[in-house]
N, C-alpha and C. Protein backbone atom coordinates (compact mmCIF):
# COMPACT_ATOMS: atom_id res chain seq x y z
N MET A 1 16.74 11.59 80.50
CA MET A 1 17.60 11.31 79.39
C MET A 1 16.79 11.28 78.08
N ILE A 2 15.64 10.67 78.09
CA ILE A 2 14.78 10.62 76.90
C ILE A 2 14.32 12.03 76.53
N ALA A 3 14.04 12.86 77.53
CA ALA A 3 13.62 14.24 77.27
C ALA A 3 14.75 15.02 76.60
N THR A 4 15.98 14.79 77.01
CA THR A 4 17.12 15.47 76.42
C THR A 4 17.30 15.06 74.96
N ILE A 5 17.13 13.79 74.67
CA ILE A 5 17.25 13.29 73.30
C ILE A 5 16.13 13.89 72.44
N ALA A 6 14.92 13.97 73.01
CA ALA A 6 13.79 14.54 72.28
C ALA A 6 14.04 16.02 71.98
N LEU A 7 14.60 16.77 72.94
CA LEU A 7 14.90 18.19 72.74
C LEU A 7 15.98 18.37 71.67
N LEU A 8 16.99 17.52 71.69
CA LEU A 8 18.04 17.61 70.68
C LEU A 8 17.50 17.29 69.29
N ALA A 9 16.63 16.30 69.20
CA ALA A 9 16.03 15.95 67.92
C ALA A 9 15.14 17.09 67.41
N ALA A 10 14.37 17.71 68.29
CA ALA A 10 13.51 18.83 67.91
C ALA A 10 14.37 20.02 67.48
N ASP A 11 15.49 20.22 68.18
CA ASP A 11 16.39 21.33 67.84
C ASP A 11 16.99 21.12 66.45
N LYS A 12 17.35 19.90 66.11
CA LYS A 12 17.89 19.61 64.79
C LYS A 12 16.83 19.79 63.71
N GLN A 13 15.60 19.43 64.00
CA GLN A 13 14.52 19.59 63.02
C GLN A 13 14.24 21.06 62.76
N GLN A 14 14.26 21.88 63.79
CA GLN A 14 14.02 23.30 63.61
C GLN A 14 15.16 23.94 62.82
N GLY A 15 16.36 23.52 63.05
CA GLY A 15 17.49 24.02 62.27
C GLY A 15 17.35 23.65 60.81
N GLY A 16 16.86 22.46 60.53
CA GLY A 16 16.63 22.03 59.16
C GLY A 16 15.52 22.83 58.51
N LEU A 17 14.47 23.11 59.27
CA LEU A 17 13.36 23.90 58.75
C LEU A 17 13.81 25.33 58.49
N ALA A 18 14.60 25.88 59.40
CA ALA A 18 15.08 27.25 59.23
C ALA A 18 15.99 27.35 58.01
N SER A 19 16.87 26.40 57.82
CA SER A 19 17.76 26.45 56.65
C SER A 19 16.96 26.24 55.36
N LEU A 20 15.93 25.42 55.43
CA LEU A 20 15.07 25.24 54.27
C LEU A 20 14.35 26.54 53.93
N LEU A 21 13.84 27.24 54.95
CA LEU A 21 13.17 28.51 54.72
C LEU A 21 14.13 29.56 54.17
N ILE A 22 15.36 29.53 54.64
CA ILE A 22 16.36 30.48 54.15
C ILE A 22 16.60 30.28 52.65
N LEU A 23 16.51 29.06 52.18
CA LEU A 23 16.68 28.79 50.76
C LEU A 23 15.41 29.04 49.95
N VAL A 24 14.27 28.64 50.49
CA VAL A 24 13.02 28.68 49.73
C VAL A 24 12.44 30.10 49.63
N LEU A 25 12.47 30.87 50.70
CA LEU A 25 11.86 32.20 50.68
C LEU A 25 12.50 33.14 49.67
N PRO A 26 13.81 33.25 49.58
CA PRO A 26 14.38 34.13 48.53
C PRO A 26 14.05 33.65 47.12
N LEU A 27 14.07 32.34 46.91
CA LEU A 27 13.71 31.82 45.60
C LEU A 27 12.26 32.13 45.25
N ALA A 28 11.37 31.99 46.23
CA ALA A 28 9.97 32.32 46.01
C ALA A 28 9.80 33.80 45.72
N ALA A 29 10.54 34.64 46.41
CA ALA A 29 10.47 36.09 46.18
C ALA A 29 10.95 36.44 44.77
N ILE A 30 12.03 35.81 44.33
CA ILE A 30 12.55 36.07 42.99
C ILE A 30 11.54 35.65 41.93
N VAL A 31 10.97 34.48 42.09
CA VAL A 31 9.96 34.02 41.13
C VAL A 31 8.77 34.96 41.13
N TYR A 32 8.32 35.38 42.29
CA TYR A 32 7.18 36.30 42.40
C TYR A 32 7.49 37.61 41.71
N LEU A 33 8.69 38.14 41.93
CA LEU A 33 9.05 39.42 41.34
C LEU A 33 9.25 39.33 39.83
N MET A 34 9.47 38.15 39.32
CA MET A 34 9.61 37.98 37.88
C MET A 34 8.27 37.71 37.21
N VAL A 35 7.40 36.98 37.85
CA VAL A 35 6.14 36.56 37.23
C VAL A 35 5.11 37.69 37.21
N ILE A 36 4.98 38.42 38.29
CA ILE A 36 3.94 39.45 38.38
C ILE A 36 4.14 40.55 37.33
N PRO A 37 5.33 41.14 37.16
CA PRO A 37 5.49 42.16 36.11
C PRO A 37 5.25 41.60 34.71
N GLN A 38 5.67 40.36 34.49
CA GLN A 38 5.45 39.74 33.18
C GLN A 38 3.96 39.57 32.91
N ARG A 39 3.21 39.17 33.92
CA ARG A 39 1.77 39.00 33.78
C ARG A 39 1.10 40.35 33.49
N LYS A 40 1.53 41.41 34.18
CA LYS A 40 0.96 42.74 33.95
C LYS A 40 1.28 43.23 32.54
N GLN A 41 2.51 42.98 32.06
CA GLN A 41 2.89 43.39 30.72
C GLN A 41 2.08 42.64 29.67
N ARG A 42 1.87 41.35 29.89
CA ARG A 42 1.08 40.55 28.96
C ARG A 42 -0.36 41.05 28.92
N GLN A 43 -0.92 41.39 30.07
CA GLN A 43 -2.29 41.90 30.13
C GLN A 43 -2.38 43.26 29.42
N LYS A 44 -1.39 44.11 29.62
CA LYS A 44 -1.35 45.42 28.96
C LYS A 44 -1.29 45.25 27.44
N GLN A 45 -0.49 44.27 26.98
CA GLN A 45 -0.38 44.01 25.55
C GLN A 45 -1.70 43.49 24.98
N GLN A 46 -2.40 42.63 25.73
CA GLN A 46 -3.69 42.12 25.29
C GLN A 46 -4.71 43.24 25.14
N VAL A 47 -4.72 44.17 26.11
CA VAL A 47 -5.63 45.31 26.04
C VAL A 47 -5.30 46.17 24.82
N PHE A 48 -4.00 46.41 24.58
CA PHE A 48 -3.57 47.19 23.42
C PHE A 48 -4.04 46.54 22.13
N LEU A 49 -3.83 45.23 22.00
CA LEU A 49 -4.21 44.54 20.77
C LEU A 49 -5.73 44.51 20.58
N SER A 50 -6.48 44.44 21.66
CA SER A 50 -7.95 44.39 21.53
C SER A 50 -8.53 45.75 21.13
N GLN A 51 -7.79 46.84 21.38
CA GLN A 51 -8.28 48.17 21.06
C GLN A 51 -7.82 48.68 19.70
N LEU A 52 -7.05 47.88 18.96
CA LEU A 52 -6.56 48.32 17.66
C LEU A 52 -7.70 48.44 16.66
N GLU A 53 -7.64 49.49 15.85
CA GLU A 53 -8.64 49.71 14.82
C GLU A 53 -7.94 50.12 13.54
N VAL A 54 -8.67 50.04 12.43
CA VAL A 54 -8.15 50.49 11.15
C VAL A 54 -7.87 51.99 11.25
N GLY A 55 -6.70 52.41 10.78
CA GLY A 55 -6.32 53.82 10.82
C GLY A 55 -5.38 54.16 11.96
N ASP A 56 -5.20 53.25 12.90
CA ASP A 56 -4.28 53.51 14.01
C ASP A 56 -2.83 53.45 13.52
N GLU A 57 -2.01 54.37 14.04
CA GLU A 57 -0.58 54.33 13.73
C GLU A 57 0.11 53.53 14.83
N VAL A 58 0.89 52.53 14.42
CA VAL A 58 1.52 51.63 15.37
C VAL A 58 3.00 51.44 15.04
N VAL A 59 3.72 50.83 15.99
CA VAL A 59 5.12 50.48 15.82
C VAL A 59 5.24 48.98 16.07
N THR A 60 5.95 48.29 15.19
CA THR A 60 6.16 46.86 15.39
C THR A 60 7.32 46.64 16.34
N ALA A 61 7.50 45.41 16.76
CA ALA A 61 8.60 45.06 17.65
C ALA A 61 9.94 45.30 16.97
N GLY A 62 9.98 45.27 15.66
CA GLY A 62 11.21 45.52 14.91
C GLY A 62 11.46 46.99 14.63
N GLY A 63 10.52 47.86 15.02
CA GLY A 63 10.72 49.29 14.85
C GLY A 63 10.09 49.88 13.60
N MET A 64 9.29 49.11 12.89
CA MET A 64 8.61 49.62 11.69
C MET A 64 7.39 50.42 12.10
N TYR A 65 7.26 51.64 11.56
CA TYR A 65 6.10 52.48 11.79
C TYR A 65 5.14 52.30 10.63
N GLY A 66 3.85 52.26 10.94
CA GLY A 66 2.87 52.13 9.88
C GLY A 66 1.47 52.40 10.37
N THR A 67 0.56 52.52 9.41
CA THR A 67 -0.86 52.74 9.69
C THR A 67 -1.62 51.48 9.33
N ILE A 68 -2.49 51.04 10.21
CA ILE A 68 -3.24 49.81 9.97
C ILE A 68 -4.28 50.06 8.89
N ASN A 69 -4.22 49.25 7.81
CA ASN A 69 -5.20 49.32 6.74
C ASN A 69 -6.29 48.27 6.89
N HIS A 70 -5.90 47.10 7.39
CA HIS A 70 -6.84 45.99 7.46
C HIS A 70 -6.36 45.04 8.55
N ILE A 71 -7.31 44.46 9.28
CA ILE A 71 -6.98 43.47 10.30
C ILE A 71 -7.78 42.21 9.99
N GLU A 72 -7.07 41.10 9.90
CA GLU A 72 -7.73 39.80 9.74
C GLU A 72 -7.22 38.88 10.83
N ASP A 73 -7.47 37.61 10.72
CA ASP A 73 -7.14 36.64 11.77
C ASP A 73 -5.66 36.66 12.13
N GLY A 74 -5.30 37.42 13.15
CA GLY A 74 -3.94 37.44 13.64
C GLY A 74 -2.95 38.18 12.77
N VAL A 75 -3.42 38.84 11.71
CA VAL A 75 -2.53 39.54 10.79
C VAL A 75 -3.05 40.96 10.60
N ALA A 76 -2.12 41.92 10.62
CA ALA A 76 -2.47 43.31 10.34
C ALA A 76 -1.74 43.74 9.07
N HIS A 77 -2.43 44.49 8.24
CA HIS A 77 -1.84 45.04 7.03
C HIS A 77 -1.47 46.49 7.35
N LEU A 78 -0.16 46.78 7.33
CA LEU A 78 0.33 48.11 7.67
C LEU A 78 0.80 48.83 6.42
N GLU A 79 0.34 50.07 6.27
CA GLU A 79 0.85 50.91 5.19
C GLU A 79 2.04 51.67 5.76
N VAL A 80 3.24 51.34 5.27
CA VAL A 80 4.45 51.95 5.78
C VAL A 80 4.93 53.10 4.91
N ASP A 81 4.43 53.18 3.68
CA ASP A 81 4.74 54.27 2.77
C ASP A 81 3.60 54.32 1.76
N THR A 82 3.62 55.31 0.89
CA THR A 82 2.57 55.41 -0.12
C THR A 82 2.58 54.15 -0.98
N ASP A 83 1.45 53.49 -1.03
CA ASP A 83 1.26 52.25 -1.80
C ASP A 83 2.21 51.13 -1.39
N THR A 84 2.70 51.14 -0.18
CA THR A 84 3.53 50.04 0.33
C THR A 84 2.87 49.48 1.57
N VAL A 85 2.33 48.27 1.44
CA VAL A 85 1.61 47.63 2.53
C VAL A 85 2.34 46.34 2.88
N ILE A 86 2.59 46.15 4.17
CA ILE A 86 3.22 44.92 4.63
C ILE A 86 2.26 44.19 5.56
N ARG A 87 2.41 42.89 5.62
CA ARG A 87 1.60 42.08 6.53
C ARG A 87 2.46 41.70 7.71
N VAL A 88 1.94 41.94 8.92
CA VAL A 88 2.67 41.57 10.14
C VAL A 88 1.71 40.86 11.09
N ALA A 89 2.27 40.05 11.94
CA ALA A 89 1.45 39.38 12.96
C ALA A 89 1.00 40.42 13.97
N LEU A 90 -0.23 40.30 14.43
CA LEU A 90 -0.75 41.23 15.43
C LEU A 90 0.12 41.23 16.68
N THR A 91 0.65 40.09 17.04
CA THR A 91 1.47 40.01 18.26
C THR A 91 2.79 40.75 18.12
N SER A 92 3.20 41.10 16.88
CA SER A 92 4.44 41.85 16.71
C SER A 92 4.22 43.35 16.86
N LEU A 93 2.99 43.79 16.98
CA LEU A 93 2.72 45.21 17.20
C LEU A 93 2.97 45.52 18.66
N SER A 94 3.95 46.39 18.92
CA SER A 94 4.36 46.60 20.30
C SER A 94 3.70 47.79 20.97
N ARG A 95 3.45 48.87 20.21
CA ARG A 95 2.85 50.04 20.84
C ARG A 95 2.26 50.95 19.78
N SER A 96 1.52 51.94 20.24
CA SER A 96 0.96 52.95 19.37
C SER A 96 2.07 53.93 19.01
N ALA A 97 2.06 54.45 17.79
CA ALA A 97 3.12 55.37 17.36
C ALA A 97 3.07 56.67 18.13
N GLY A 98 1.94 57.03 18.68
CA GLY A 98 1.81 58.28 19.42
C GLY A 98 2.13 58.17 20.88
N SER A 99 2.44 56.96 21.38
CA SER A 99 2.69 56.79 22.81
C SER A 99 4.04 57.34 23.19
N GLU A 100 4.19 57.73 24.44
CA GLU A 100 5.42 58.35 24.94
C GLU A 100 6.28 57.35 25.70
N ASP A 101 6.41 56.13 25.24
CA ASP A 101 7.20 55.09 25.89
C ASP A 101 8.62 55.08 25.35
N ASP A 102 9.24 56.24 25.26
CA ASP A 102 10.59 56.34 24.72
C ASP A 102 11.58 55.88 25.79
N SER A 103 12.29 54.81 25.52
CA SER A 103 13.20 54.26 26.52
C SER A 103 14.59 54.85 26.45
N SER A 104 14.84 55.80 25.56
CA SER A 104 16.18 56.35 25.43
C SER A 104 16.50 57.36 26.51
N GLY A 105 15.52 57.80 27.28
CA GLY A 105 15.77 58.74 28.36
C GLY A 105 15.56 60.18 27.97
N LEU A 106 15.35 60.45 26.67
CA LEU A 106 15.10 61.80 26.21
C LEU A 106 13.69 61.89 25.65
N ALA A 107 13.05 62.99 25.88
CA ALA A 107 11.73 63.21 25.29
C ALA A 107 11.92 63.50 23.81
N ALA A 108 10.91 63.18 23.01
CA ALA A 108 11.00 63.42 21.58
C ALA A 108 11.15 64.91 21.32
N GLY A 109 12.14 65.27 20.51
CA GLY A 109 12.37 66.65 20.16
C GLY A 109 13.11 67.44 21.22
N SER A 110 13.62 66.80 22.22
CA SER A 110 14.33 67.50 23.28
C SER A 110 15.75 67.80 22.84
N ASP A 111 16.19 69.04 23.09
CA ASP A 111 17.55 69.43 22.74
C ASP A 111 18.52 69.19 23.88
N GLU A 112 18.04 68.66 24.98
CA GLU A 112 18.86 68.50 26.16
C GLU A 112 19.71 67.24 26.04
N GLU A 113 20.97 67.33 26.49
CA GLU A 113 21.86 66.19 26.46
C GLU A 113 21.56 65.27 27.63
N PRO A 114 21.86 63.98 27.51
CA PRO A 114 21.70 63.07 28.65
C PRO A 114 22.61 63.49 29.80
N ALA A 115 22.23 63.14 31.01
CA ALA A 115 22.95 63.57 32.21
C ALA A 115 24.39 63.09 32.22
N ASP A 116 24.68 61.90 31.65
CA ASP A 116 26.04 61.38 31.71
C ASP A 116 26.97 62.09 30.73
N LYS A 117 26.44 62.85 29.76
CA LYS A 117 27.29 63.56 28.82
C LYS A 117 27.40 65.03 29.14
N LYS A 118 26.59 65.53 30.08
CA LYS A 118 26.67 66.94 30.45
C LYS A 118 27.98 67.20 31.18
N GLY A 119 28.58 68.31 30.88
CA GLY A 119 29.77 68.73 31.61
C GLY A 119 31.05 68.08 31.09
N LYS A 120 30.96 67.11 30.21
CA LYS A 120 32.17 66.49 29.66
C LYS A 120 32.63 67.31 28.47
N ARG A 121 33.92 67.54 28.42
CA ARG A 121 34.48 68.28 27.30
C ARG A 121 35.20 67.32 26.38
N SER A 122 35.06 67.56 25.10
CA SER A 122 35.79 66.72 24.16
C SER A 122 37.15 67.32 23.92
N SER A 123 38.19 66.50 23.90
CA SER A 123 39.55 66.98 23.76
C SER A 123 39.97 66.98 22.32
C-alpha cells in the first residue's frame, strides 16, 4: 500500500514537471530567438560605427544621406548639400550609402515590378 502511494506521488510529480517543461521550453525558445538576432545586429552596428571615417557616405536612421566631414565624441558632422552641414549622433547612422540593404524588395534602378503587382490589370 505504501509503495502504491509512493508511485502515485511520483506520477503526480512527473506530470507537474512535464507541464512545467511544456510551458518553460517554448518561452525559453522565444526569448532565445529574440535575443540572439538582436545581439548580432548590435554587434554589426558597433563594427560599422568603429569603421567610419571622414569622407564616408552614410544614411541616418531618419533617411538623411550625407558625407561625414568631422567626427567628435559621439557626434558626426554630415554634409547633406553644398555648404549645409548637420550634426547627428553617431548611433543614428544606420548604414553606408553604398550598401545594398534595400528592404523594398527591388534592386536600385530595377525596372521590374514587384511580384504581387505582376499580371494585374488596371480597370
